Amino acid sequence: MGKRTKYLVRLAKKHLPRNYAPPDDFVIRSGFGCWQKDVEEKEYLDMLACYSAANLGHGNPEIAYAIGKQTHQRGIICNANCFWEEQKILFARDLVKFCNDFGLKGLDMVLIMNSGAEAVETAMKIARKWGYTKKKIPIDQAEIIACRDNFHGRTLGAISLSTVPQYTELFGPLLPGTIKIPFADENALFMAINKNTAVFITEAVQGEGGVIIPPEKYLLTARNICTANNVLLVVDEIQSGFGRTGKMFACNYNNVIPDMIILGKALGGGIVISAVVGRKEVMDVFEPNDHGSTFGGNPLSSAVGRTFLRIMRRKRLDKRAEHLGKYFKKELEKIAEKSPHILEIRTKGLWIAIEVRHDGPTAHGFCQRLHKERILCKETREYTIRMSPPLVITKEELDFALEKIRKVFVK
């Protein structure tokens, strides 16, 4: 470990709380494409892409140009949302058109926020008010159904949907009116619904839960159950959206159109932005001052978001994820056959989980070994290594990753 790394890690431990626990042996300074470089000039292949926020990779020139154009030519970076602003309006138009063109017809309004958790909270508020004003649920009796082992963020409302002790213990009391059912259990959903149910919120794939992939028609069945019972369906595609699973949206696999979809991470090309996109008759429950965000839909994020949508439309990285994902899965399964450590390989597009045996080293230990081999990845839960490389990754770069994975798990 070099002097600069030691110095920065010492500073981090002095001034930053321990809500994250990065490895102490490297500190990232820069990144271009699918590679990141630390302060000692050592390069790493990014197989995480900031949990899908960097689907375009790092240092994308079109994203960089959009940032420069907004900051240098237009000047305005933030604008009070009490005044109309050009880029925000155009971004809302572009995002609605993008969603409609890629299988989500009828979603025609957008509420723009910053983080994914903030968008989840926004969807929860919309759903509750819809329940009271449209469904006529008695005041303060609206219920939200969510899935066990989910991850919708770490704010108080989001963790109120969680069953993971790490996220909920010592942070109570949590919000009332939340019911948790097993993920991808349609019968449990049907049984949990009652006259006070306003909404069912689910991930398309449980990412933080370990890239848990539901049965093929899970979302379609959930859509039908919700429609039959006058319950809103909200799908959290913060991580799965924009090509990660091999479709532009994971909802596309069964042509499911939710009442609201929650988007974020990749949407800003690396700049912070999130959005709730939904049906007008659901979204229009908000009155002035019901909800807001100082930086939600700011001109810089909106301009960059528009650029991101143009890139995705032109490059169709969803198709790339589908093709390369199949190749990567096939090669990983060959490694798994020879490894005494790997229990299961799960993939959906370029979203990968390597679950290790529960009677040996944990996923954290294997991630540390992969870091030493210049592969950036992250464990989730105790025994799953999660990978979600930038969607611009090449076959040659995937082969580099496979070589290092083979070295760690077989050799």
Protein backbone atom coordinates (compact mmCIF):
# COMPACT_ATOMS: atom_id res chain seq x y z
CA MET A 1 0.00 0.00 0.00
CA GLY A 2 1.44 3.36 -1.06
CA LYS A 3 1.85 6.49 1.05
CA ARG A 4 -0.99 8.33 -0.70
CA THR A 5 -3.38 5.44 -0.10
CA LYS A 6 -2.44 5.24 3.58
CA TYR A 7 -2.88 8.98 3.99
CA LEU A 8 -6.31 9.07 2.34
CA VAL A 9 -7.60 6.02 4.21
CA ARG A 10 -6.47 7.60 7.48
CA LEU A 11 -8.34 10.80 6.56
CA ALA A 12 -11.44 8.82 5.61
CA LYS A 13 -11.53 7.01 8.92
CA LYS A 14 -11.11 10.30 10.75
CA HIS A 15 -13.82 12.27 8.96
CA LEU A 16 -16.30 9.79 7.40
CA PRO A 17 -18.81 7.73 9.42
CA ARG A 18 -18.66 3.95 9.14
CA ASN A 19 -21.89 3.51 7.17
CA TYR A 20 -19.73 2.05 4.40
CA ALA A 21 -16.71 -0.21 4.82
CA PRO A 22 -14.50 0.04 1.71
CA PRO A 23 -11.31 -2.04 1.51
CA ASP A 24 -8.29 -0.18 2.88
CA ASP A 25 -5.75 -1.21 0.26
CA PHE A 26 -6.76 1.08 -2.61
CA VAL A 27 -8.41 4.47 -3.22
CA ILE A 28 -9.97 5.23 -6.61
CA ARG A 29 -8.98 8.46 -8.36
CA SER A 30 -10.14 8.24 -11.98
CA GLY A 31 -11.98 6.10 -14.47
CA PHE A 32 -12.58 5.81 -18.20
CA GLY A 33 -14.68 3.24 -19.99
CA CYS A 34 -14.83 0.07 -17.89
CA TRP A 35 -11.60 0.76 -16.03
CA GLN A 36 -10.84 2.66 -12.85
CA LYS A 37 -7.43 3.78 -11.63
CA ASP A 38 -6.36 4.23 -8.02
CA VAL A 39 -4.10 6.90 -6.54
CA GLU A 40 -1.08 4.61 -7.04
CA GLU A 41 -1.88 4.33 -10.79
CA LYS A 42 -3.05 0.71 -10.57
CA GLU A 43 -5.93 -0.15 -12.92
CA TYR A 44 -9.03 -2.20 -12.08
CA LEU A 45 -11.77 -3.60 -14.29
CA ASP A 46 -15.05 -2.23 -12.99
CA MET A 47 -17.46 -5.15 -12.73
CA LEU A 48 -19.89 -3.24 -10.50
CA ALA A 49 -20.62 0.02 -12.38
CA CYS A 50 -21.71 1.70 -9.15
CA TYR A 51 -24.62 -0.74 -8.81
CA SER A 52 -25.72 0.00 -12.42
CA ALA A 53 -25.36 3.79 -12.16
CA ALA A 54 -22.45 3.68 -14.63
CA ASN A 55 -24.11 1.64 -17.38
CA LEU A 56 -22.35 3.86 -19.94
CA GLY A 57 -19.01 3.37 -18.24
CA HIS A 58 -16.86 6.20 -16.95
CA GLY A 59 -15.90 9.40 -18.74
CA ASN A 60 -18.42 9.00 -21.56
CA PRO A 61 -17.62 11.89 -23.93
CA GLU A 62 -21.26 12.67 -24.76
CA ILE A 63 -22.14 12.86 -21.07
CA ALA A 64 -19.07 15.04 -20.43
CA TYR A 65 -20.09 17.34 -23.29
CA ALA A 66 -23.64 17.65 -21.94
CA ILE A 67 -22.27 18.62 -18.52
CA GLY A 68 -19.97 21.21 -20.09
CA LYS A 69 -22.68 22.63 -22.32
CA GLN A 70 -25.08 23.12 -19.42
CA THR A 71 -22.50 24.58 -17.04
CA HIS A 72 -20.52 26.73 -19.49
CA GLN A 73 -22.96 27.70 -22.24
CA ARG A 74 -26.24 27.92 -20.31
CA GLY A 75 -24.70 28.63 -16.91
CA ILE A 76 -27.74 27.65 -14.87
CA ILE A 77 -27.19 24.52 -12.76
CA CYS A 78 -30.01 24.78 -10.25
CA ASN A 79 -33.37 26.49 -10.44
CA ALA A 80 -36.17 26.87 -7.91
CA ASN A 81 -38.94 24.47 -8.88
CA CYS A 82 -41.48 27.24 -8.35
CA PHE A 83 -40.42 28.45 -11.82
CA TRP A 84 -40.64 26.48 -15.06
CA GLU A 85 -37.25 25.51 -16.47
CA GLU A 86 -36.52 24.39 -20.01
CA GLN A 87 -34.34 21.32 -19.47
CA LYS A 88 -36.62 19.82 -16.83
CA ILE A 89 -39.65 20.10 -19.11
CA LEU A 90 -37.79 18.61 -22.08
CA PHE A 91 -36.38 15.80 -19.93
CA ALA A 92 -39.88 14.89 -18.74
CA ARG A 93 -41.08 14.80 -22.35
CA ASP A 94 -38.12 12.70 -23.47
CA LEU A 95 -38.41 10.22 -20.59
CA VAL A 96 -42.14 9.71 -21.17
CA LYS A 97 -41.52 9.12 -24.89
CA PHE A 98 -38.67 6.73 -24.12
CA CYS A 99 -40.81 4.70 -21.73
CA ASN A 100 -43.72 4.64 -24.17
CA ASP A 101 -41.47 3.58 -27.06
CA PHE A 102 -40.00 0.74 -25.00
CA GLY A 103 -43.13 -1.02 -23.86
CA LEU A 104 -44.51 1.23 -21.13
CA LYS A 105 -47.36 2.89 -22.99
CA GLY A 106 -49.75 4.96 -20.92
CA LEU A 107 -47.16 6.19 -18.44
CA ASP A 108 -47.33 9.86 -19.25
CA MET A 109 -46.29 11.88 -16.19
CA VAL A 110 -42.92 12.18 -14.45
CA LEU A 111 -41.93 13.35 -11.00
CA ILE A 112 -38.18 13.96 -11.01
CA MET A 113 -36.13 13.49 -7.86
CA ASN A 114 -32.49 12.82 -6.98
CA SER A 115 -31.69 9.48 -5.31
CA GLY A 116 -33.45 6.19 -5.81
CA ALA A 117 -34.65 6.10 -2.21
CA GLU A 118 -36.15 9.57 -2.67
CA ALA A 119 -38.08 8.31 -5.69
CA VAL A 120 -39.33 5.32 -3.67
CA GLU A 121 -40.58 7.67 -0.95
CA THR A 122 -42.26 9.75 -3.65
CA ALA A 123 -44.07 6.71 -5.06
CA MET A 124 -45.20 5.74 -1.55
CA LYS A 125 -46.68 9.20 -0.98
CA ILE A 126 -48.44 9.19 -4.34
CA ALA A 127 -49.87 5.73 -3.67
CA ARG A 128 -51.16 6.66 -0.23
CA LYS A 129 -52.83 9.84 -1.45
CA TRP A 130 -54.32 7.95 -4.40
CA GLY A 131 -55.69 5.44 -1.90
CA TYR A 132 -57.42 8.16 0.09
CA THR A 133 -58.63 10.37 -2.76
CA LYS A 134 -59.40 7.86 -5.52
CA LYS A 135 -60.01 4.52 -3.80
CA LYS A 136 -61.61 6.17 -0.74
CA ILE A 137 -59.63 4.23 1.85
CA PRO A 138 -60.39 5.59 5.36
CA ILE A 139 -57.86 8.26 6.37
CA ASP A 140 -54.64 6.89 7.89
CA GLN A 141 -55.64 3.28 7.10
CA ALA A 142 -53.90 2.84 3.72
CA GLU A 143 -51.62 -0.19 3.50
CA ILE A 144 -48.56 -0.87 1.39
CA ILE A 145 -47.54 -4.42 0.46
CA ALA A 146 -43.85 -5.08 -0.17
CA CYS A 147 -41.65 -8.16 -0.50
CA ARG A 148 -39.37 -9.65 2.11
CA ASP A 149 -35.63 -9.28 1.58
CA ASN A 150 -36.20 -6.30 -0.69
CA PHE A 151 -34.00 -3.26 -1.07
CA HIS A 152 -35.71 0.03 -1.87
CA GLY A 153 -33.19 2.33 -0.18
CA ARG A 154 -32.10 3.37 3.29
CA THR A 155 -34.36 6.31 4.13
CA LEU A 156 -36.96 5.80 6.85
CA GLY A 157 -39.87 5.16 4.50
CA ALA A 158 -37.85 2.78 2.35
CA ILE A 159 -36.56 0.73 5.28
CA SER A 160 -40.12 0.51 6.60
CA LEU A 161 -40.71 -1.81 3.64
CA SER A 162 -37.69 -3.95 4.55
CA THR A 163 -37.33 -7.15 6.56
CA VAL A 164 -33.51 -7.07 6.67
CA PRO A 165 -32.35 -6.50 10.28
CA GLN A 166 -29.23 -4.62 9.16
CA TYR A 167 -31.46 -1.91 7.67
CA THR A 168 -34.20 -1.76 10.30
CA GLU A 169 -32.84 -2.53 13.77
CA LEU A 170 -32.31 0.49 16.05
CA PHE A 171 -33.97 2.82 13.52
CA GLY A 172 -37.56 2.41 14.71
CA PRO A 173 -40.32 3.09 15.06
CA LEU A 174 -40.87 2.42 11.39
CA LEU A 175 -43.84 3.57 9.33
CA PRO A 176 -47.09 1.73 10.07
CA GLY A 177 -49.30 0.20 7.42
CA THR A 178 -46.70 -1.95 5.67
CA ILE A 179 -47.22 -5.65 4.98
CA LYS A 180 -44.38 -7.93 3.85
CA ILE A 181 -44.86 -11.07 1.79
CA PRO A 182 -42.40 -13.53 0.23
CA PHE A 183 -40.88 -12.32 -3.04
CA ALA A 184 -42.49 -13.73 -6.18
CA ASP A 185 -45.30 -15.45 -4.25
CA GLU A 186 -48.48 -14.59 -6.14
CA ASN A 187 -50.72 -16.46 -3.71
CA ALA A 188 -49.26 -14.52 -0.78
CA LEU A 189 -49.98 -11.28 -2.65
CA PHE A 190 -53.58 -12.31 -3.28
CA MET A 191 -54.09 -13.24 0.38
CA ALA A 192 -52.47 -10.04 1.69
CA ILE A 193 -54.74 -7.66 -0.23
CA ASN A 194 -57.69 -6.17 1.63
CA LYS A 195 -60.00 -3.18 1.21
CA ASN A 196 -57.35 -0.83 2.62
CA THR A 197 -54.54 -1.94 0.30
CA ALA A 198 -53.35 0.99 -1.79
CA VAL A 199 -50.27 -0.40 -3.51
CA PHE A 200 -47.98 -3.34 -4.08
CA ILE A 201 -44.33 -2.30 -4.48
CA THR A 202 -41.86 -4.84 -5.83
CA GLU A 203 -38.49 -5.06 -7.51
CA ALA A 204 -38.40 -6.75 -10.91
CA VAL A 205 -35.28 -8.60 -9.74
CA GLN A 206 -34.05 -8.47 -6.16
CA GLY A 207 -30.57 -7.05 -6.69
CA GLU A 208 -29.36 -6.39 -3.16
CA GLY A 209 -31.09 -9.62 -2.16
CA GLY A 210 -28.61 -11.52 -4.33
CA VAL A 211 -29.85 -11.11 -7.92
CA ILE A 212 -32.91 -13.19 -7.11
CA ILE A 213 -34.78 -13.79 -10.36
CA PRO A 214 -38.53 -14.45 -10.05
CA PRO A 215 -40.53 -16.95 -12.13
CA GLU A 216 -41.07 -15.83 -15.70
CA LYS A 217 -44.66 -14.59 -15.31
CA TYR A 218 -44.37 -13.14 -11.80
CA LEU A 219 -44.92 -9.50 -12.75
CA LEU A 220 -47.72 -10.39 -15.17
CA THR A 221 -49.60 -12.30 -12.47
CA ALA A 222 -49.01 -9.49 -9.98
CA ARG A 223 -50.35 -7.01 -12.54
CA ASN A 224 -53.52 -9.05 -12.99
CA ILE A 225 -54.06 -9.46 -9.23
CA CYS A 226 -53.58 -5.74 -8.61
CA THR A 227 -55.90 -4.75 -11.46
CA ALA A 228 -58.63 -7.12 -10.24
CA ASN A 229 -58.46 -5.65 -6.73
CA ASN A 230 -58.05 -1.94 -7.58
CA VAL A 231 -54.53 -1.88 -6.14
CA LEU A 232 -51.66 0.07 -7.68
CA LEU A 233 -48.66 -1.87 -8.98
CA VAL A 234 -45.34 -0.06 -8.54
CA VAL A 235 -42.19 -1.67 -9.94
CA ASP A 236 -38.81 -0.56 -8.67
CA GLU A 237 -36.45 -0.66 -11.65
CA ILE A 238 -33.80 1.61 -10.17
CA GLN A 239 -31.15 -1.05 -10.81
CA SER A 240 -32.83 -3.23 -13.43
CA GLY A 241 -33.92 -0.42 -15.75
CA PHE A 242 -32.16 0.74 -18.91
CA GLY A 243 -30.82 -2.51 -20.29
CA ARG A 244 -29.31 -4.24 -17.27
CA THR A 245 -31.43 -7.39 -17.60
CA GLY A 246 -31.19 -7.71 -21.38
CA LYS A 247 -34.39 -5.75 -21.98
CA MET A 248 -34.71 -1.98 -21.76
CA PHE A 249 -36.94 -2.55 -18.73
CA ALA A 250 -37.38 -5.82 -16.88
CA CYS A 251 -41.14 -5.23 -17.17
CA ASN A 252 -40.73 -5.82 -20.91
CA TYR A 253 -40.23 -9.56 -20.42
CA ASN A 254 -43.98 -10.05 -20.02
CA ASN A 255 -45.18 -6.76 -21.51
CA VAL A 256 -46.22 -5.59 -18.05
CA ILE A 257 -47.15 -1.95 -17.61
CA PRO A 258 -47.15 -0.90 -13.94
CA ASP A 259 -49.09 2.07 -12.64
CA MET A 260 -45.77 3.63 -11.66
CA ILE A 261 -42.18 2.66 -12.40
CA ILE A 262 -39.30 3.93 -10.28
CA LEU A 263 -36.12 4.76 -12.19
CA GLY A 264 -32.70 6.04 -11.17
CA LYS A 265 -29.00 5.15 -11.11
CA ALA A 266 -28.18 4.75 -14.84
CA LEU A 267 -30.70 7.45 -15.80
CA GLY A 268 -28.22 10.27 -15.17
CA GLY A 269 -25.22 8.73 -16.89
CA GLY A 270 -23.39 9.03 -13.57
CA ILE A 271 -25.05 12.29 -12.48
CA VAL A 272 -27.60 12.09 -9.66
CA ILE A 273 -31.20 11.85 -10.88
CA SER A 274 -34.22 9.61 -10.30
CA ALA A 275 -37.80 9.60 -11.45
CA VAL A 276 -41.24 8.19 -10.84
CA VAL A 277 -43.03 7.69 -14.16
CA GLY A 278 -46.71 6.87 -13.97
CA ARG A 279 -50.23 7.10 -15.28
CA LYS A 280 -51.72 10.58 -15.19
CA GLU A 281 -54.78 9.49 -13.22
CA VAL A 282 -52.44 8.26 -10.48
CA MET A 283 -49.79 10.99 -10.56
CA ASP A 284 -52.22 13.89 -10.60
CA VAL A 285 -53.27 13.39 -6.97
CA PHE A 286 -50.56 15.84 -5.91
CA GLU A 287 -51.55 19.45 -5.35
CA PRO A 288 -49.07 22.36 -5.14
CA ASN A 289 -46.80 21.97 -2.09
CA ASP A 290 -47.79 18.32 -1.50
CA HIS A 291 -44.28 17.24 -2.46
CA GLY A 292 -41.04 18.69 -3.71
CA SER A 293 -37.28 18.58 -3.95
CA THR A 294 -34.92 21.54 -4.23
CA PHE A 295 -32.62 19.75 -6.65
CA GLY A 296 -35.12 17.35 -8.22
CA GLY A 297 -35.06 17.88 -11.98
CA ASN A 298 -32.33 20.51 -11.79
CA PRO A 299 -31.13 21.80 -15.19
CA LEU A 300 -27.78 19.98 -15.06
CA SER A 301 -29.22 16.55 -14.21
CA SER A 302 -32.07 17.01 -16.68
CA ALA A 303 -29.74 17.95 -19.54
CA VAL A 304 -27.50 14.98 -18.83
CA GLY A 305 -30.52 12.69 -18.47
CA ARG A 306 -31.70 13.71 -21.93
CA THR A 307 -28.29 12.85 -23.34
CA PHE A 308 -28.34 9.47 -21.60
CA LEU A 309 -31.71 8.62 -23.15
CA ARG A 310 -30.44 9.52 -26.62
CA ILE A 311 -27.39 7.29 -26.16
CA MET A 312 -29.49 4.35 -24.95
CA ARG A 313 -31.92 4.73 -27.83
CA ARG A 314 -29.10 4.85 -30.38
CA LYS A 315 -26.78 2.16 -28.98
CA ARG A 316 -29.45 -0.27 -27.72
CA LEU A 317 -27.24 -1.45 -24.87
CA ASP A 318 -30.09 -3.71 -23.75
CA LYS A 319 -29.41 -5.97 -26.73
CA ARG A 320 -25.71 -5.89 -25.96
CA ALA A 321 -26.42 -6.92 -22.36
CA GLU A 322 -28.58 -9.80 -23.57
CA HIS A 323 -25.91 -11.10 -25.96
CA LEU A 324 -22.86 -10.68 -23.71
CA GLY A 325 -24.82 -11.85 -20.68
CA LYS A 326 -25.47 -15.23 -22.30
CA TYR A 327 -21.79 -15.61 -23.13
CA PHE A 328 -20.64 -14.61 -19.64
CA LYS A 329 -23.12 -16.97 -17.98
CA LYS A 330 -21.99 -19.91 -20.13
CA GLU A 331 -18.34 -19.30 -19.25
CA LEU A 332 -19.09 -18.79 -15.56
CA GLU A 333 -20.96 -22.09 -15.45
CA LYS A 334 -17.86 -23.82 -16.85
CA ILE A 335 -15.84 -22.32 -14.00
CA ALA A 336 -18.49 -23.34 -11.47
CA GLU A 337 -18.28 -26.97 -12.62
CA LYS A 338 -14.59 -27.04 -11.71
CA SER A 339 -14.75 -24.97 -8.54
CA PRO A 340 -15.24 -26.44 -5.06
CA HIS A 341 -16.43 -23.03 -3.86
CA ILE A 342 -19.30 -22.05 -6.18
CA LEU A 343 -22.82 -23.14 -5.28
CA GLU A 344 -24.83 -21.41 -8.02
CA ILE A 345 -24.61 -18.92 -10.88
CA ARG A 346 -27.61 -16.61 -11.42
CA THR A 347 -27.78 -14.10 -14.25
CA LYS A 348 -30.24 -11.83 -16.01
CA GLY A 349 -28.60 -10.01 -18.88
CA LEU A 350 -25.39 -8.50 -17.51
CA TRP A 351 -26.52 -8.81 -13.90
CA ILE A 352 -24.63 -11.64 -12.26
CA ALA A 353 -24.63 -13.42 -8.91
CA ILE A 354 -22.00 -15.94 -7.92
CA GLU A 355 -23.29 -17.69 -4.81
CA VAL A 356 -20.52 -19.43 -2.89
CA ARG A 357 -20.91 -22.48 -0.68
CA HIS A 358 -22.20 -21.67 2.79
CA ASP A 359 -19.70 -23.96 4.52
CA GLY A 360 -16.60 -22.12 3.32
CA PRO A 361 -15.20 -18.60 2.93
CA THR A 362 -17.79 -15.83 2.68
CA ALA A 363 -18.42 -13.73 -0.41
CA HIS A 364 -16.53 -10.86 1.22
CA GLY A 365 -13.36 -12.92 1.33
CA PHE A 366 -13.65 -13.84 -2.34
CA CYS A 367 -14.29 -10.19 -3.27
CA GLN A 368 -11.07 -9.23 -1.50
CA ARG A 369 -9.19 -11.82 -3.55
CA LEU A 370 -10.78 -10.51 -6.75
CA HIS A 371 -9.80 -6.95 -5.82
CA LYS A 372 -6.18 -8.11 -5.60
CA GLU A 373 -6.63 -9.48 -9.12
CA ARG A 374 -7.84 -6.03 -10.28
CA ILE A 375 -11.54 -6.93 -10.47
CA LEU A 376 -14.00 -4.58 -8.73
CA CYS A 377 -17.11 -6.34 -7.43
CA LYS A 378 -19.10 -6.43 -4.21
CA GLU A 379 -20.67 -9.01 -1.97
CA THR A 380 -24.32 -8.81 -1.05
CA ARG A 381 -25.69 -10.64 1.94
CA GLU A 382 -23.15 -13.17 3.20
CA TYR A 383 -22.59 -15.63 0.40
CA THR A 384 -23.31 -13.84 -2.88
CA ILE A 385 -20.88 -11.93 -5.09
CA ARG A 386 -22.72 -9.45 -7.26
CA MET A 387 -21.46 -8.18 -10.60
CA SER A 388 -23.06 -5.59 -12.86
CA PRO A 389 -20.42 -4.31 -15.29
CA PRO A 390 -20.94 -1.26 -17.50
CA LEU A 391 -23.09 -2.25 -20.46
CA VAL A 392 -20.38 -0.94 -22.80
CA ILE A 393 -17.99 -3.68 -21.65
CA THR A 394 -16.32 -5.67 -24.43
CA LYS A 395 -16.02 -9.44 -24.82
CA GLU A 396 -12.27 -9.07 -24.33
CA GLU A 397 -12.82 -7.30 -21.02
CA LEU A 398 -15.25 -9.99 -19.93
CA ASP A 399 -12.60 -12.56 -20.83
CA PHE A 400 -10.14 -10.71 -18.59
CA ALA A 401 -12.68 -10.92 -15.76
CA LEU A 402 -13.25 -14.62 -16.44
CA GLU A 403 -9.51 -15.29 -16.30
CA LYS A 404 -9.29 -13.66 -12.87
CA ILE A 405 -12.45 -15.36 -11.59
CA ARG A 406 -11.07 -18.70 -12.74
CA LYS A 407 -7.80 -17.99 -10.94
CA VAL A 408 -9.59 -17.17 -7.67
CA PHE A 409 -12.18 -19.96 -7.74
CA VAL A 410 -10.41 -22.83 -9.48
CA LYS A 411 -6.65 -22.43 -9.50
